Amino acid sequence: MIGRVRKVSGRGEPVAANYAFGPSVDDVIIKHRLLTRTTTTRGEPPLKKLQKKFTSFVSEVDKDEDNYNDCEKLARAFLQELTTFEIPLLKSKAIVEANVREKDNFNELKDEMNRQISQAQVDIEDLKKQLEESKVERRHKEECEAIRKLIAMQPPRSETQKVLTELEKEIAALDAENTAGSRLLELRKKQFSLLLHVVDELQNTIEEDQKSLVEEMRIATEELKHGMEDASGGSEAMAVDH
């Protein structure tokens, strides 16, 4: 039989089909063989054999001779050949029906597989969302665990409260000292302001005294100068008299 030849690789995997005459020619040959029930390239086709049997029977019937036995013999031979020709047709019909059922089953299986693939895709998306949520939840748990460890490293609440109480006492004492220091500073400011005022008054008094002393010295100097002038004038007069 000349037709498609399939080779199998060493691993049992089928490879591309090879054609004796080409895809189109092979399809024509296969179609012709199916119509004529020719299963091999050798010998007469079954349809041609059936045609010869029928022709022989008709030719014998058309004779005017008394050949009833020959006609019966040729009729049986024709019917036998017809039965022989019909059996493969019935087989082919059964194969076609089986193939149709198989095709329908395949289509149903294909639809079911497509439905399962679609459902699997939906499940994958859901699992992706669940995975992201699990990652977020895990990160939150890790953060909570880290915080818990930090809290565990801290001293007990009683000790912390005790430290806070002591710190509050120290803060209160410092506030009291700060208040006392502020009052003392304010007193020192007032005293310093009074001292500055006294110093200013004293400085003004000293300046006034210095001015008075300078004025008294100036007056005394002028008086002394006038006295000396008067003395020198008297001496000159006495000299003239002599």
C-alpha atoms as a PDB file:
ATOM      1  CA  MET A   1       0.000   0.000   0.000  1.00  0.00           C
ATOM      2  CA  ILE A   2       1.394   3.334  -1.135  1.00  0.00           C
ATOM      3  CA  GLY A   3       0.448   6.072   1.299  1.00  0.00           C
ATOM      4  CA  ARG A   4       1.638   7.863   4.376  1.00  0.00           C
ATOM      5  CA  VAL A   5       4.720   6.366   5.981  1.00  0.00           C
ATOM      6  CA  ARG A   6       5.372   7.251   9.634  1.00  0.00           C
ATOM      7  CA  LYS A   7       8.732   6.746  11.267  1.00  0.00           C
ATOM      8  CA  VAL A   8       9.291   6.467  14.978  1.00  0.00           C
ATOM      9  CA  SER A   9      12.368   7.924  16.656  1.00  0.00           C
ATOM     10  CA  GLY A  10      14.549   5.978  19.015  1.00  0.00           C
ATOM     11  CA  ARG A  11      12.646   7.383  22.038  1.00  0.00           C
ATOM     12  CA  GLY A  12       9.280   6.281  20.680  1.00  0.00           C
ATOM     13  CA  GLU A  13       8.270   9.796  19.607  1.00  0.00           C
ATOM     14  CA  PRO A  14       6.460  10.085  16.211  1.00  0.00           C
ATOM     15  CA  VAL A  15       7.988  12.318  13.599  1.00  0.00           C
ATOM     16  CA  ALA A  16       6.397  14.106  10.675  1.00  0.00           C
ATOM     17  CA  ALA A  17       4.663  11.839   8.127  1.00  0.00           C
ATOM     18  CA  ASN A  18       6.371  11.167   4.817  1.00  0.00           C
ATOM     19  CA  TYR A  19       4.392  10.952   1.580  1.00  0.00           C
ATOM     20  CA  ALA A  20       5.149   8.690  -1.412  1.00  0.00           C
ATOM     21  CA  PHE A  21       3.679  11.063  -4.003  1.00  0.00           C
ATOM     22  CA  GLY A  22       2.878  14.154  -1.986  1.00  0.00           C
ATOM     23  CA  PRO A  23      -0.071  15.043   0.275  1.00  0.00           C
ATOM     24  CA  SER A  24      -2.555  15.909  -2.497  1.00  0.00           C
ATOM     25  CA  VAL A  25      -1.766  12.841  -4.639  1.00  0.00           C
ATOM     26  CA  ASP A  26      -1.841  10.513  -1.636  1.00  0.00           C
ATOM     27  CA  ASP A  27      -5.254  11.861  -0.606  1.00  0.00           C
ATOM     28  CA  VAL A  28      -6.633  11.195  -4.116  1.00  0.00           C
ATOM     29  CA  ILE A  29      -5.274   7.633  -4.094  1.00  0.00           C
ATOM     30  CA  ILE A  30      -6.684   6.895  -0.641  1.00  0.00           C
ATOM     31  CA  LYS A  31     -10.095   8.316  -1.600  1.00  0.00           C
ATOM     32  CA  HIS A  32     -10.160   6.167  -4.764  1.00  0.00           C
ATOM     33  CA  ARG A  33      -9.243   3.050  -2.792  1.00  0.00           C
ATOM     34  CA  LEU A  34     -11.973   3.703  -0.270  1.00  0.00           C
ATOM     35  CA  LEU A  35     -14.559   4.084  -3.046  1.00  0.00           C
ATOM     36  CA  THR A  36     -13.391   1.036  -5.007  1.00  0.00           C
ATOM     37  CA  ARG A  37     -12.493  -1.006  -1.913  1.00  0.00           C
ATOM     38  CA  THR A  38      -8.981  -1.456  -3.280  1.00  0.00           C
ATOM     39  CA  THR A  39      -6.687  -2.441  -0.439  1.00  0.00           C
ATOM     40  CA  THR A  40      -3.614  -3.224  -2.491  1.00  0.00           C
ATOM     41  CA  THR A  41      -2.044  -2.207  -5.756  1.00  0.00           C
ATOM     42  CA  ARG A  42      -1.925  -5.824  -6.898  1.00  0.00           C
ATOM     43  CA  GLY A  43      -4.848  -7.792  -8.393  1.00  0.00           C
ATOM     44  CA  GLU A  44      -8.247  -6.578  -9.573  1.00  0.00           C
ATOM     45  CA  PRO A  45     -10.262  -4.141  -7.525  1.00  0.00           C
ATOM     46  CA  PRO A  46     -13.259  -5.672  -5.718  1.00  0.00           C
ATOM     47  CA  LEU A  47     -15.706  -3.434  -7.574  1.00  0.00           C
ATOM     48  CA  LYS A  48     -14.333  -4.577 -10.927  1.00  0.00           C
ATOM     49  CA  LYS A  49     -14.639  -8.211  -9.849  1.00  0.00           C
ATOM     50  CA  LEU A  50     -18.243  -7.596  -8.820  1.00  0.00           C
ATOM     51  CA  GLN A  51     -18.925  -5.934 -12.156  1.00  0.00           C
ATOM     52  CA  LYS A  52     -17.482  -8.946 -14.027  1.00  0.00           C
ATOM     53  CA  LYS A  53     -19.611 -11.382 -12.003  1.00  0.00           C
ATOM     54  CA  PHE A  54     -22.702  -9.341 -12.692  1.00  0.00           C
ATOM     55  CA  THR A  55     -21.861  -9.044 -16.392  1.00  0.00           C
ATOM     56  CA  SER A  56     -21.273 -12.802 -16.660  1.00  0.00           C
ATOM     57  CA  PHE A  57     -24.594 -13.502 -14.939  1.00  0.00           C
ATOM     58  CA  VAL A  58     -26.519 -11.101 -17.184  1.00  0.00           C
ATOM     59  CA  SER A  59     -24.846 -12.487 -20.313  1.00  0.00           C
ATOM     60  CA  GLU A  60     -25.764 -16.016 -19.314  1.00  0.00           C
ATOM     61  CA  VAL A  61     -29.366 -15.001 -18.587  1.00  0.00           C
ATOM     62  CA  ASP A  62     -29.669 -13.317 -21.966  1.00  0.00           C
ATOM     63  CA  LYS A  63     -28.833 -16.583 -23.759  1.00  0.00           C
ATOM     64  CA  ASP A  64     -31.726 -18.510 -25.204  1.00  0.00           C
ATOM     65  CA  GLU A  65     -30.224 -21.849 -24.307  1.00  0.00           C
ATOM     66  CA  ASP A  66     -31.445 -24.049 -21.476  1.00  0.00           C
ATOM     67  CA  ASN A  67     -28.720 -22.942 -19.013  1.00  0.00           C
ATOM     68  CA  TYR A  68     -30.607 -22.696 -15.744  1.00  0.00           C
ATOM     69  CA  ASN A  69     -27.832 -24.405 -13.794  1.00  0.00           C
ATOM     70  CA  ASP A  70     -25.194 -22.084 -15.189  1.00  0.00           C
ATOM     71  CA  CYS A  71     -27.352 -19.045 -14.421  1.00  0.00           C
ATOM     72  CA  GLU A  72     -27.911 -20.281 -10.858  1.00  0.00           C
ATOM     73  CA  LYS A  73     -24.203 -20.918 -10.467  1.00  0.00           C
ATOM     74  CA  LEU A  74     -23.328 -17.440 -11.775  1.00  0.00           C
ATOM     75  CA  ALA A  75     -26.037 -15.896  -9.605  1.00  0.00           C
ATOM     76  CA  ARG A  76     -24.627 -17.551  -6.491  1.00  0.00           C
ATOM     77  CA  ALA A  77     -21.153 -16.431  -7.501  1.00  0.00           C
ATOM     78  CA  PHE A  78     -22.447 -12.837  -8.013  1.00  0.00           C
ATOM     79  CA  LEU A  79     -24.278 -12.874  -4.665  1.00  0.00           C
ATOM     80  CA  GLN A  80     -21.193 -14.267  -2.954  1.00  0.00           C
ATOM     81  CA  GLU A  81     -19.053 -11.577  -4.541  1.00  0.00           C
ATOM     82  CA  LEU A  82     -21.668  -8.970  -3.548  1.00  0.00           C
ATOM     83  CA  THR A  83     -21.589 -10.242   0.011  1.00  0.00           C
ATOM     84  CA  THR A  84     -17.806 -10.143  -0.047  1.00  0.00           C
ATOM     85  CA  PHE A  85     -17.959  -6.565  -1.337  1.00  0.00           C
ATOM     86  CA  GLU A  86     -20.625  -5.566   1.219  1.00  0.00           C
ATOM     87  CA  ILE A  87     -18.785  -6.857   4.292  1.00  0.00           C
ATOM     88  CA  PRO A  88     -15.940  -4.270   4.045  1.00  0.00           C
ATOM     89  CA  LEU A  89     -18.579  -1.597   3.433  1.00  0.00           C
ATOM     90  CA  LEU A  90     -20.363  -2.585   6.632  1.00  0.00           C
ATOM     91  CA  LYS A  91     -17.025  -2.618   8.420  1.00  0.00           C
ATOM     92  CA  SER A  92     -16.219   0.799   7.018  1.00  0.00           C
ATOM     93  CA  LYS A  93     -19.648   2.054   8.106  1.00  0.00           C
ATOM     94  CA  ALA A  94     -19.067   0.697  11.596  1.00  0.00           C
ATOM     95  CA  ILE A  95     -15.596   2.294  11.627  1.00  0.00           C
ATOM     96  CA  VAL A  96     -17.054   5.622  10.453  1.00  0.00           C
ATOM     97  CA  GLU A  97     -19.739   5.503  13.132  1.00  0.00           C
ATOM     98  CA  ALA A  98     -17.108   4.589  15.718  1.00  0.00           C
ATOM     99  CA  ASN A  99     -14.931   7.447  14.489  1.00  0.00           C
ATOM    100  CA  VAL A 100     -17.890   9.836  14.711  1.00  0.00           C
ATOM    101  CA  ARG A 101     -18.575   8.689  18.259  1.00  0.00           C
ATOM    102  CA  GLU A 102     -14.887   8.989  19.028  1.00  0.00           C
ATOM    103  CA  LYS A 103     -14.869  12.470  17.538  1.00  0.00           C
ATOM    104  CA  ASP A 104     -17.882  13.445  19.627  1.00  0.00           C
ATOM    105  CA  ASN A 105     -16.193  12.004  22.707  1.00  0.00           C
ATOM    106  CA  PHE A 106     -13.040  13.855  21.780  1.00  0.00           C
ATOM    107  CA  ASN A 107     -14.971  17.120  21.375  1.00  0.00           C
ATOM    108  CA  GLU A 108     -16.634  16.573  24.742  1.00  0.00           C
ATOM    109  CA  LEU A 109     -13.261  15.769  26.269  1.00  0.00           C
ATOM    110  CA  LYS A 110     -11.792  18.849  24.599  1.00  0.00           C
ATOM    111  CA  ASP A 111     -14.599  21.042  25.959  1.00  0.00           C
ATOM    112  CA  GLU A 112     -14.104  19.517  29.396  1.00  0.00           C
ATOM    113  CA  MET A 113     -10.355  20.101  29.186  1.00  0.00           C
ATOM    114  CA  ASN A 114     -10.924  23.706  28.090  1.00  0.00           C
ATOM    115  CA  ARG A 115     -13.323  24.156  30.993  1.00  0.00           C
ATOM    116  CA  GLN A 116     -10.783  22.634  33.361  1.00  0.00           C
ATOM    117  CA  ILE A 117      -8.041  24.863  31.899  1.00  0.00           C
ATOM    118  CA  SER A 118     -10.229  27.940  32.408  1.00  0.00           C
ATOM    119  CA  GLN A 119     -11.016  26.822  35.939  1.00  0.00           C
ATOM    120  CA  ALA A 120      -7.314  26.130  36.535  1.00  0.00           C
ATOM    121  CA  GLN A 121      -6.473  29.649  35.342  1.00  0.00           C
ATOM    122  CA  VAL A 122      -9.070  31.079  37.709  1.00  0.00           C
ATOM    123  CA  ASP A 123      -7.673  28.917  40.517  1.00  0.00           C
ATOM    124  CA  ILE A 124      -4.147  30.090  39.674  1.00  0.00           C
ATOM    125  CA  GLU A 125      -5.234  33.734  39.921  1.00  0.00           C
ATOM    126  CA  ASP A 126      -6.928  32.996  43.247  1.00  0.00           C
ATOM    127  CA  LEU A 127      -3.809  31.237  44.481  1.00  0.00           C
ATOM    128  CA  LYS A 128      -1.694  34.202  43.393  1.00  0.00           C
ATOM    129  CA  LYS A 129      -3.941  36.516  45.403  1.00  0.00           C
ATOM    130  CA  GLN A 130      -3.785  34.144  48.379  1.00  0.00           C
ATOM    131  CA  LEU A 131       0.007  34.019  48.026  1.00  0.00           C
ATOM    132  CA  GLU A 132       0.243  37.815  48.077  1.00  0.00           C
ATOM    133  CA  GLU A 133      -2.062  37.952  51.095  1.00  0.00           C
ATOM    134  CA  SER A 134       0.029  35.246  52.783  1.00  0.00           C
ATOM    135  CA  LYS A 135       3.189  37.255  52.091  1.00  0.00           C
ATOM    136  CA  VAL A 136       1.628  40.367  53.631  1.00  0.00           C
ATOM    137  CA  GLU A 137       0.366  38.374  56.611  1.00  0.00           C
ATOM    138  CA  ARG A 138       3.754  36.743  57.068  1.00  0.00           C
ATOM    139  CA  ARG A 139       5.476  40.141  56.925  1.00  0.00           C
ATOM    140  CA  HIS A 140       3.066  41.444  59.563  1.00  0.00           C
ATOM    141  CA  LYS A 141       3.764  38.401  61.748  1.00  0.00           C
ATOM    142  CA  GLU A 142       7.522  38.950  61.375  1.00  0.00           C
ATOM    143  CA  GLU A 143       7.118  42.617  62.332  1.00  0.00           C
ATOM    144  CA  CYS A 144       4.969  41.638  65.320  1.00  0.00           C
ATOM    145  CA  GLU A 145       7.549  39.055  66.345  1.00  0.00           C
ATOM    146  CA  ALA A 146      10.338  41.643  66.115  1.00  0.00           C
ATOM    147  CA  ILE A 147       8.287  44.056  68.250  1.00  0.00           C
ATOM    148  CA  ARG A 148       7.557  41.266  70.721  1.00  0.00           C
ATOM    149  CA  LYS A 149      11.275  40.509  71.057  1.00  0.00           C
ATOM    150  CA  LEU A 150      12.011  44.202  71.632  1.00  0.00           C
ATOM    151  CA  ILE A 151       9.318  44.325  74.294  1.00  0.00           C
ATOM    152  CA  ALA A 152      10.690  41.153  75.883  1.00  0.00           C
ATOM    153  CA  MET A 153      14.119  42.800  76.076  1.00  0.00           C
ATOM    154  CA  GLN A 154      12.676  45.727  78.048  1.00  0.00           C
ATOM    155  CA  PRO A 155      12.613  45.606  81.890  1.00  0.00           C
ATOM    156  CA  PRO A 156       9.379  44.748  83.734  1.00  0.00           C
ATOM    157  CA  ARG A 157       6.672  47.359  84.105  1.00  0.00           C
ATOM    158  CA  SER A 158       7.204  47.613  87.881  1.00  0.00           C
ATOM    159  CA  GLU A 159      10.857  48.548  87.425  1.00  0.00           C
ATOM    160  CA  THR A 160       9.978  51.018  84.673  1.00  0.00           C
ATOM    161  CA  GLN A 161       7.301  52.570  86.899  1.00  0.00           C
ATOM    162  CA  LYS A 162       9.817  52.815  89.731  1.00  0.00           C
ATOM    163  CA  VAL A 163      12.320  54.554  87.453  1.00  0.00           C
ATOM    164  CA  LEU A 164       9.598  56.914  86.224  1.00  0.00           C
ATOM    165  CA  THR A 165       8.634  57.752  89.810  1.00  0.00           C
ATOM    166  CA  GLU A 166      12.250  58.534  90.698  1.00  0.00           C
ATOM    167  CA  LEU A 167      12.610  60.633  87.554  1.00  0.00           C
ATOM    168  CA  GLU A 168       9.440  62.541  88.425  1.00  0.00           C
ATOM    169  CA  LYS A 169      10.842  63.211  91.902  1.00  0.00           C
ATOM    170  CA  GLU A 170      14.108  64.431  90.393  1.00  0.00           C
ATOM    171  CA  ILE A 171      12.211  66.623  87.948  1.00  0.00           C
ATOM    172  CA  ALA A 172      10.137  68.063  90.802  1.00  0.00           C
ATOM    173  CA  ALA A 173      13.319  68.758  92.810  1.00  0.00           C
ATOM    174  CA  LEU A 174      14.937  70.378  89.776  1.00  0.00           C
ATOM    175  CA  ASP A 175      11.805  72.461  89.233  1.00  0.00           C
ATOM    176  CA  ALA A 176      11.972  73.591  92.865  1.00  0.00           C
ATOM    177  CA  GLU A 177      15.669  74.421  92.515  1.00  0.00           C
ATOM    178  CA  ASN A 178      14.940  76.225  89.288  1.00  0.00           C
ATOM    179  CA  THR A 179      12.179  78.245  90.988  1.00  0.00           C
ATOM    180  CA  ALA A 180      14.486  79.120  93.899  1.00  0.00           C
ATOM    181  CA  GLY A 181      17.274  80.005  91.496  1.00  0.00           C
ATOM    182  CA  SER A 182      14.898  82.190  89.497  1.00  0.00           C
ATOM    183  CA  ARG A 183      13.798  84.014  92.656  1.00  0.00           C
ATOM    184  CA  LEU A 184      17.427  84.451  93.738  1.00  0.00           C
ATOM    185  CA  LEU A 185      18.343  85.674  90.279  1.00  0.00           C
ATOM    186  CA  GLU A 186      15.486  88.131  90.335  1.00  0.00           C
ATOM    187  CA  LEU A 187      16.650  89.370  93.766  1.00  0.00           C
ATOM    188  CA  ARG A 188      20.205  89.677  92.488  1.00  0.00           C
ATOM    189  CA  LYS A 189      18.917  91.625  89.492  1.00  0.00           C
ATOM    190  CA  LYS A 190      17.096  94.066  91.783  1.00  0.00           C
ATOM    191  CA  GLN A 191      20.161  94.397  94.016  1.00  0.00           C
ATOM    192  CA  PHE A 192      22.425  94.911  91.027  1.00  0.00           C
ATOM    193  CA  SER A 193      20.038  97.520  89.624  1.00  0.00           C
ATOM    194  CA  LEU A 194      20.072  99.307  92.999  1.00  0.00           C
ATOM    195  CA  LEU A 195      23.850  99.091  93.087  1.00  0.00           C
ATOM    196  CA  LEU A 196      24.098 100.553  89.597  1.00  0.00           C
ATOM    197  CA  HIS A 197      21.777 103.351  90.652  1.00  0.00           C
ATOM    198  CA  VAL A 198      23.902 104.055  93.724  1.00  0.00           C
ATOM    199  CA  VAL A 199      27.053 103.962  91.621  1.00  0.00           C
ATOM    200  CA  ASP A 200      25.480 106.403  89.170  1.00  0.00           C
ATOM    201  CA  GLU A 201      24.481 108.722  92.020  1.00  0.00           C
ATOM    202  CA  LEU A 202      27.930 108.427  93.538  1.00  0.00           C
ATOM    203  CA  GLN A 203      29.567 109.058  90.181  1.00  0.00           C
ATOM    204  CA  ASN A 204      27.371 112.102  89.679  1.00  0.00           C
ATOM    205  CA  THR A 205      28.234 113.326  93.166  1.00  0.00           C
ATOM    206  CA  ILE A 206      31.945 112.795  92.527  1.00  0.00           C
ATOM    207  CA  GLU A 207      31.697 114.648  89.232  1.00  0.00           C
ATOM    208  CA  GLU A 208      29.882 117.523  90.951  1.00  0.00           C
ATOM    209  CA  ASP A 209      32.500 117.563  93.722  1.00  0.00           C
ATOM    210  CA  GLN A 210      35.285 117.493  91.119  1.00  0.00           C
ATOM    211  CA  LYS A 211      33.656 120.359  89.251  1.00  0.00           C
ATOM    212  CA  SER A 212      33.305 122.349  92.518  1.00  0.00           C
ATOM    213  CA  LEU A 213      36.902 121.584  93.470  1.00  0.00           C
ATOM    214  CA  VAL A 214      38.140 122.633  90.041  1.00  0.00           C
ATOM    215  CA  GLU A 215      36.065 125.810  90.261  1.00  0.00           C
ATOM    216  CA  GLU A 216      37.415 126.558  93.754  1.00  0.00           C
ATOM    217  CA  MET A 217      40.973 125.966  92.592  1.00  0.00           C
ATOM    218  CA  ARG A 218      40.401 128.222  89.587  1.00  0.00           C
ATOM    219  CA  ILE A 219      39.001 130.955  91.836  1.00  0.00           C
ATOM    220  CA  ALA A 220      41.893 130.528  94.288  1.00  0.00           C
ATOM    221  CA  THR A 221      44.369 130.686  91.416  1.00  0.00           C
ATOM    222  CA  GLU A 222      42.811 133.851  90.088  1.00  0.00           C
ATOM    223  CA  GLU A 223      42.777 135.405  93.542  1.00  0.00           C
ATOM    224  CA  LEU A 224      46.396 134.425  94.041  1.00  0.00           C
ATOM    225  CA  LYS A 225      47.256 135.847  90.661  1.00  0.00           C
ATOM    226  CA  HIS A 226      45.450 139.131  91.472  1.00  0.00           C
ATOM    227  CA  GLY A 227      47.208 139.262  94.839  1.00  0.00           C
ATOM    228  CA  MET A 228      50.569 138.844  93.244  1.00  0.00           C
ATOM    229  CA  GLU A 229      49.777 141.556  90.703  1.00  0.00           C
ATOM    230  CA  ASP A 230      48.725 143.875  93.460  1.00  0.00           C
ATOM    231  CA  ALA A 231      51.919 143.142  95.366  1.00  0.00           C
ATOM    232  CA  SER A 232      54.114 143.817  92.380  1.00  0.00           C
ATOM    233  CA  GLY A 233      52.304 147.085  91.699  1.00  0.00           C
ATOM    234  CA  GLY A 234      52.900 148.306  95.246  1.00  0.00           C
ATOM    235  CA  SER A 235      56.576 147.528  94.987  1.00  0.00           C
ATOM    236  CA  GLU A 236      56.922 149.531  91.798  1.00  0.00           C
ATOM    237  CA  ALA A 237      55.188 152.487  93.441  1.00  0.00           C
ATOM    238  CA  MET A 238      57.497 152.394  96.397  1.00  0.00           C
ATOM    239  CA  ALA A 239      60.472 152.362  94.020  1.00  0.00           C
ATOM    240  CA  VAL A 240      59.247 155.432  92.218  1.00  0.00           C
ATOM    241  CA  ASP A 241      58.819 157.331  95.451  1.00  0.00           C
ATOM    242  CA  HIS A 242      62.436 156.879  96.298  1.00  0.00           C
END
